[in-house]
N, C-alpha and C. Protein backbone atom coordinates (compact mmCIF):
# COMPACT_ATOMS: atom_id res chain seq x y z
N MET A 1 -2.32 4.78 -10.42
CA MET A 1 -1.06 4.13 -10.68
C MET A 1 -1.05 2.75 -10.01
N THR A 2 -0.65 1.75 -10.74
CA THR A 2 -0.60 0.39 -10.22
C THR A 2 0.77 0.13 -9.61
N THR A 3 0.78 -0.51 -8.45
CA THR A 3 2.02 -0.87 -7.79
C THR A 3 2.42 -2.27 -8.21
N ASP A 4 3.68 -2.43 -8.60
CA ASP A 4 4.20 -3.74 -8.94
C ASP A 4 4.83 -4.37 -7.71
N TRP A 5 4.62 -5.66 -7.58
CA TRP A 5 5.14 -6.41 -6.45
C TRP A 5 6.00 -7.56 -6.96
N ILE A 6 7.07 -7.88 -6.23
CA ILE A 6 7.95 -8.99 -6.58
C ILE A 6 7.61 -10.16 -5.66
N ASP A 7 7.36 -11.31 -6.26
CA ASP A 7 7.08 -12.53 -5.50
C ASP A 7 8.41 -13.07 -5.00
N VAL A 8 8.54 -13.19 -3.67
CA VAL A 8 9.81 -13.66 -3.09
C VAL A 8 9.69 -15.04 -2.44
N GLY A 9 8.53 -15.66 -2.55
CA GLY A 9 8.42 -17.02 -2.03
C GLY A 9 7.09 -17.31 -1.38
N ALA A 10 6.93 -18.57 -1.02
CA ALA A 10 5.70 -19.04 -0.39
C ALA A 10 5.65 -18.64 1.08
N PHE A 11 4.50 -18.17 1.50
CA PHE A 11 4.28 -17.81 2.91
C PHE A 11 4.56 -19.01 3.81
N ASP A 12 4.09 -20.18 3.42
CA ASP A 12 4.25 -21.38 4.23
C ASP A 12 5.70 -21.87 4.32
N ALA A 13 6.58 -21.33 3.47
CA ALA A 13 7.99 -21.73 3.51
C ALA A 13 8.72 -21.10 4.70
N ILE A 14 8.12 -20.10 5.30
CA ILE A 14 8.71 -19.45 6.47
C ILE A 14 7.88 -19.86 7.68
N PRO A 15 8.49 -20.52 8.66
CA PRO A 15 7.72 -20.92 9.84
C PRO A 15 7.34 -19.71 10.69
N ALA A 16 6.31 -19.86 11.50
CA ALA A 16 5.96 -18.81 12.45
C ALA A 16 7.19 -18.52 13.30
N ARG A 17 7.45 -17.23 13.55
CA ARG A 17 8.63 -16.76 14.29
C ARG A 17 9.93 -17.14 13.58
N GLY A 18 9.87 -17.12 12.24
CA GLY A 18 11.04 -17.48 11.45
C GLY A 18 11.34 -16.43 10.40
N ALA A 19 12.38 -16.70 9.60
CA ALA A 19 12.79 -15.76 8.56
C ALA A 19 13.52 -16.50 7.46
N ARG A 20 13.62 -15.85 6.33
CA ARG A 20 14.40 -16.33 5.20
C ARG A 20 15.12 -15.14 4.58
N MET A 21 16.32 -15.40 4.06
CA MET A 21 17.05 -14.38 3.33
C MET A 21 16.71 -14.52 1.85
N VAL A 22 16.43 -13.41 1.20
CA VAL A 22 16.07 -13.39 -0.22
C VAL A 22 17.07 -12.49 -0.94
N ARG A 23 17.65 -13.01 -2.00
CA ARG A 23 18.57 -12.19 -2.82
C ARG A 23 17.74 -11.46 -3.88
N THR A 24 17.97 -10.16 -3.98
CA THR A 24 17.33 -9.37 -5.02
C THR A 24 18.44 -8.63 -5.78
N PRO A 25 18.15 -8.08 -6.94
CA PRO A 25 19.17 -7.30 -7.64
C PRO A 25 19.65 -6.10 -6.81
N GLN A 26 18.83 -5.69 -5.82
CA GLN A 26 19.18 -4.54 -4.99
C GLN A 26 19.91 -4.94 -3.71
N GLY A 27 20.09 -6.22 -3.46
CA GLY A 27 20.78 -6.68 -2.26
C GLY A 27 19.97 -7.74 -1.53
N CYS A 28 20.52 -8.19 -0.40
CA CYS A 28 19.87 -9.25 0.37
C CYS A 28 18.85 -8.67 1.35
N ILE A 29 17.69 -9.28 1.35
CA ILE A 29 16.59 -8.83 2.21
C ILE A 29 16.19 -10.00 3.11
N ALA A 30 15.93 -9.69 4.37
CA ALA A 30 15.41 -10.69 5.30
C ALA A 30 13.90 -10.54 5.34
N VAL A 31 13.20 -11.64 5.14
CA VAL A 31 11.73 -11.65 5.20
C VAL A 31 11.34 -12.44 6.44
N PHE A 32 10.53 -11.82 7.29
CA PHE A 32 10.16 -12.38 8.59
C PHE A 32 8.67 -12.69 8.65
N ARG A 33 8.36 -13.74 9.41
CA ARG A 33 6.97 -14.09 9.71
C ARG A 33 6.84 -14.16 11.23
N THR A 34 5.93 -13.38 11.78
CA THR A 34 5.75 -13.36 13.23
C THR A 34 4.84 -14.50 13.68
N ALA A 35 4.70 -14.65 14.99
CA ALA A 35 3.82 -15.67 15.56
C ALA A 35 2.37 -15.41 15.19
N THR A 36 2.03 -14.15 14.88
CA THR A 36 0.66 -13.80 14.48
C THR A 36 0.51 -13.72 12.97
N ASP A 37 1.47 -14.28 12.23
CA ASP A 37 1.46 -14.37 10.77
C ASP A 37 1.55 -13.03 10.05
N GLU A 38 2.13 -12.03 10.69
CA GLU A 38 2.46 -10.79 9.98
C GLU A 38 3.77 -11.02 9.24
N VAL A 39 3.94 -10.30 8.12
CA VAL A 39 5.15 -10.43 7.31
C VAL A 39 5.84 -9.08 7.23
N PHE A 40 7.16 -9.10 7.42
CA PHE A 40 7.98 -7.89 7.34
C PHE A 40 9.21 -8.18 6.49
N ALA A 41 9.74 -7.15 5.84
CA ALA A 41 10.96 -7.28 5.05
C ALA A 41 11.91 -6.15 5.41
N LEU A 42 13.16 -6.52 5.68
CA LEU A 42 14.21 -5.57 6.08
C LEU A 42 15.50 -5.91 5.36
N ASP A 43 16.43 -4.95 5.32
CA ASP A 43 17.78 -5.30 4.89
C ASP A 43 18.27 -6.40 5.81
N ASN A 44 19.04 -7.32 5.28
CA ASN A 44 19.48 -8.48 6.06
C ASN A 44 20.65 -8.17 6.98
N ALA A 45 21.33 -7.05 6.83
CA ALA A 45 22.53 -6.74 7.60
C ALA A 45 22.22 -5.84 8.80
N CYS A 46 22.53 -6.34 10.00
CA CYS A 46 22.34 -5.57 11.23
C CYS A 46 23.16 -4.27 11.14
N PRO A 47 22.65 -3.16 11.66
CA PRO A 47 23.39 -1.90 11.60
C PRO A 47 24.65 -1.89 12.47
N HIS A 48 24.80 -2.85 13.36
CA HIS A 48 25.95 -2.88 14.27
C HIS A 48 27.19 -3.43 13.58
N LYS A 49 27.19 -4.72 13.28
CA LYS A 49 28.35 -5.37 12.65
C LYS A 49 27.95 -6.19 11.43
N LYS A 50 26.81 -5.84 10.84
CA LYS A 50 26.32 -6.48 9.61
C LYS A 50 25.94 -7.95 9.79
N GLY A 51 25.55 -8.33 11.00
CA GLY A 51 25.11 -9.70 11.26
C GLY A 51 23.89 -10.04 10.42
N PRO A 52 23.71 -11.31 10.06
CA PRO A 52 22.60 -11.74 9.21
C PRO A 52 21.29 -11.80 10.01
N LEU A 53 20.46 -10.79 9.87
CA LEU A 53 19.22 -10.72 10.64
C LEU A 53 18.29 -11.90 10.36
N ALA A 54 18.34 -12.46 9.16
CA ALA A 54 17.48 -13.61 8.84
C ALA A 54 17.82 -14.82 9.70
N ASP A 55 19.00 -14.83 10.31
CA ASP A 55 19.40 -15.92 11.20
C ASP A 55 19.09 -15.60 12.66
N GLY A 56 18.46 -14.45 12.91
CA GLY A 56 18.17 -14.02 14.27
C GLY A 56 16.92 -14.68 14.85
N ILE A 57 16.63 -14.31 16.09
CA ILE A 57 15.47 -14.84 16.80
C ILE A 57 14.34 -13.82 16.72
N VAL A 58 13.19 -14.26 16.19
CA VAL A 58 12.01 -13.40 16.05
C VAL A 58 11.18 -13.52 17.32
N HIS A 59 10.86 -12.37 17.90
CA HIS A 59 10.02 -12.33 19.11
C HIS A 59 9.14 -11.10 19.01
N GLY A 60 7.83 -11.33 19.07
CA GLY A 60 6.90 -10.21 18.85
C GLY A 60 7.13 -9.65 17.46
N ASN A 61 7.24 -8.33 17.38
CA ASN A 61 7.53 -7.67 16.11
C ASN A 61 8.97 -7.16 16.09
N LYS A 62 9.87 -7.99 16.63
CA LYS A 62 11.29 -7.65 16.69
C LYS A 62 12.12 -8.87 16.32
N VAL A 63 13.39 -8.61 15.98
CA VAL A 63 14.35 -9.68 15.74
C VAL A 63 15.61 -9.35 16.51
N THR A 64 16.21 -10.37 17.11
CA THR A 64 17.48 -10.21 17.80
C THR A 64 18.60 -10.74 16.91
N CYS A 65 19.57 -9.89 16.62
CA CYS A 65 20.70 -10.26 15.76
C CYS A 65 21.48 -11.41 16.40
N PRO A 66 21.87 -12.40 15.60
CA PRO A 66 22.58 -13.55 16.16
C PRO A 66 24.03 -13.26 16.58
N LEU A 67 24.60 -12.13 16.14
CA LEU A 67 25.99 -11.87 16.47
C LEU A 67 26.18 -11.23 17.85
N HIS A 68 25.48 -10.11 18.10
CA HIS A 68 25.72 -9.36 19.33
C HIS A 68 24.44 -8.97 20.06
N ASN A 69 23.35 -9.67 19.74
CA ASN A 69 22.08 -9.50 20.45
C ASN A 69 21.43 -8.12 20.33
N TRP A 70 21.74 -7.38 19.28
CA TRP A 70 21.01 -6.14 19.05
C TRP A 70 19.58 -6.52 18.69
N VAL A 71 18.63 -5.75 19.17
CA VAL A 71 17.22 -5.99 18.88
C VAL A 71 16.75 -4.92 17.88
N ILE A 72 16.16 -5.38 16.78
CA ILE A 72 15.71 -4.50 15.70
C ILE A 72 14.20 -4.63 15.55
N SER A 73 13.50 -3.50 15.45
CA SER A 73 12.06 -3.50 15.22
C SER A 73 11.78 -3.93 13.78
N LEU A 74 10.90 -4.91 13.62
CA LEU A 74 10.51 -5.33 12.27
C LEU A 74 9.63 -4.29 11.60
N GLU A 75 8.95 -3.48 12.40
CA GLU A 75 8.04 -2.46 11.86
C GLU A 75 8.79 -1.23 11.36
N THR A 76 9.81 -0.78 12.10
CA THR A 76 10.50 0.47 11.76
C THR A 76 11.92 0.28 11.28
N GLY A 77 12.54 -0.86 11.59
CA GLY A 77 13.94 -1.08 11.26
C GLY A 77 14.90 -0.46 12.26
N LEU A 78 14.38 0.19 13.30
CA LEU A 78 15.22 0.88 14.28
C LEU A 78 15.73 -0.08 15.35
N ALA A 79 17.00 0.13 15.75
CA ALA A 79 17.57 -0.60 16.88
C ALA A 79 16.82 -0.17 18.14
N GLN A 80 16.64 -1.10 19.06
CA GLN A 80 15.87 -0.85 20.27
C GLN A 80 16.80 -0.63 21.47
N GLY A 81 16.24 -0.10 22.55
CA GLY A 81 17.01 0.11 23.77
C GLY A 81 18.07 1.18 23.58
N ALA A 82 19.24 0.95 24.18
CA ALA A 82 20.32 1.93 24.12
C ALA A 82 21.09 1.88 22.81
N ASP A 83 20.87 0.85 22.00
CA ASP A 83 21.57 0.73 20.73
C ASP A 83 21.02 1.73 19.72
N GLU A 84 21.90 2.22 18.86
CA GLU A 84 21.49 3.19 17.85
C GLU A 84 21.84 2.70 16.46
N GLY A 85 20.91 2.89 15.53
CA GLY A 85 21.11 2.49 14.16
C GLY A 85 19.79 2.01 13.58
N ALA A 86 19.79 1.76 12.30
CA ALA A 86 18.57 1.32 11.63
C ALA A 86 18.91 0.56 10.36
N VAL A 87 17.97 -0.27 9.95
CA VAL A 87 18.05 -0.93 8.65
C VAL A 87 16.84 -0.48 7.85
N GLU A 88 16.95 -0.59 6.54
CA GLU A 88 15.85 -0.21 5.67
C GLU A 88 14.74 -1.24 5.76
N THR A 89 13.50 -0.77 5.73
CA THR A 89 12.34 -1.66 5.70
C THR A 89 11.70 -1.57 4.32
N TYR A 90 10.98 -2.62 3.93
CA TYR A 90 10.35 -2.68 2.61
C TYR A 90 8.89 -3.08 2.75
N PRO A 91 8.00 -2.45 2.01
CA PRO A 91 6.59 -2.86 2.04
C PRO A 91 6.46 -4.31 1.60
N ALA A 92 5.77 -5.10 2.42
CA ALA A 92 5.57 -6.53 2.12
C ALA A 92 4.13 -6.90 2.44
N ARG A 93 3.64 -7.90 1.73
CA ARG A 93 2.28 -8.40 1.97
C ARG A 93 2.19 -9.86 1.52
N VAL A 94 1.10 -10.49 1.92
CA VAL A 94 0.84 -11.86 1.50
C VAL A 94 -0.41 -11.86 0.62
N GLU A 95 -0.30 -12.53 -0.52
CA GLU A 95 -1.43 -12.64 -1.44
C GLU A 95 -1.42 -14.04 -2.05
N ASN A 96 -2.55 -14.73 -1.94
CA ASN A 96 -2.67 -16.08 -2.48
C ASN A 96 -1.54 -17.00 -2.02
N GLY A 97 -1.17 -16.87 -0.74
CA GLY A 97 -0.15 -17.74 -0.18
C GLY A 97 1.27 -17.40 -0.58
N ARG A 98 1.48 -16.27 -1.23
CA ARG A 98 2.81 -15.84 -1.67
C ARG A 98 3.20 -14.55 -0.98
N ILE A 99 4.48 -14.39 -0.67
CA ILE A 99 4.98 -13.16 -0.06
C ILE A 99 5.44 -12.23 -1.18
N LEU A 100 4.97 -11.00 -1.14
CA LEU A 100 5.29 -10.01 -2.16
C LEU A 100 5.97 -8.80 -1.53
N ILE A 101 6.98 -8.25 -2.21
CA ILE A 101 7.66 -7.03 -1.79
C ILE A 101 7.48 -6.00 -2.90
N GLU A 102 7.23 -4.76 -2.51
CA GLU A 102 6.97 -3.70 -3.49
C GLU A 102 8.21 -3.45 -4.36
N ALA A 103 8.07 -3.67 -5.66
CA ALA A 103 9.19 -3.57 -6.60
C ALA A 103 9.72 -2.15 -6.71
N ALA A 104 8.83 -1.17 -6.83
CA ALA A 104 9.26 0.21 -7.01
C ALA A 104 10.07 0.69 -5.81
N PHE A 105 9.70 0.26 -4.62
CA PHE A 105 10.43 0.67 -3.42
C PHE A 105 11.85 0.11 -3.45
N LEU A 106 12.00 -1.14 -3.86
CA LEU A 106 13.32 -1.74 -3.98
C LEU A 106 14.18 -0.96 -4.98
N LYS A 107 13.59 -0.59 -6.09
CA LYS A 107 14.34 0.14 -7.12
C LYS A 107 14.73 1.53 -6.64
N ARG A 108 13.84 2.21 -5.90
CA ARG A 108 14.17 3.53 -5.35
C ARG A 108 15.34 3.43 -4.38
N GLN A 109 15.33 2.42 -3.52
CA GLN A 109 16.39 2.23 -2.54
C GLN A 109 17.74 1.97 -3.25
N ALA A 110 17.71 1.20 -4.31
CA ALA A 110 18.95 0.88 -5.03
C ALA A 110 19.53 2.11 -5.70
N ALA A 111 18.68 3.07 -6.10
CA ALA A 111 19.13 4.27 -6.79
C ALA A 111 19.75 5.30 -5.84
N GLU A 112 19.46 5.17 -4.56
CA GLU A 112 19.97 6.16 -3.60
C GLU A 112 21.43 5.96 -3.29
């Protein structure tokens, strides 16, 4: 079975330790690039007060929400420390300088 991927933009358009918000038919997704050029995709809304994670500070494989400083793992989507909650994560990869998110996973999430 072949996996379909959605092109969400150029890898170089996101600076190291930066993020961009991408609108999809299934909702807004934050796409992150770490200092080591790893790419992660998460729901853009923090589990605490729905703060825009794409506007947060990327450090290591985590992002700190700009509203109330909740720290979210880019790998698991789980809130760190004493905070509780999670955001959905999406399979993402870089191919030929483009960031791709798995289409079928987005569609499954939208159906739930």
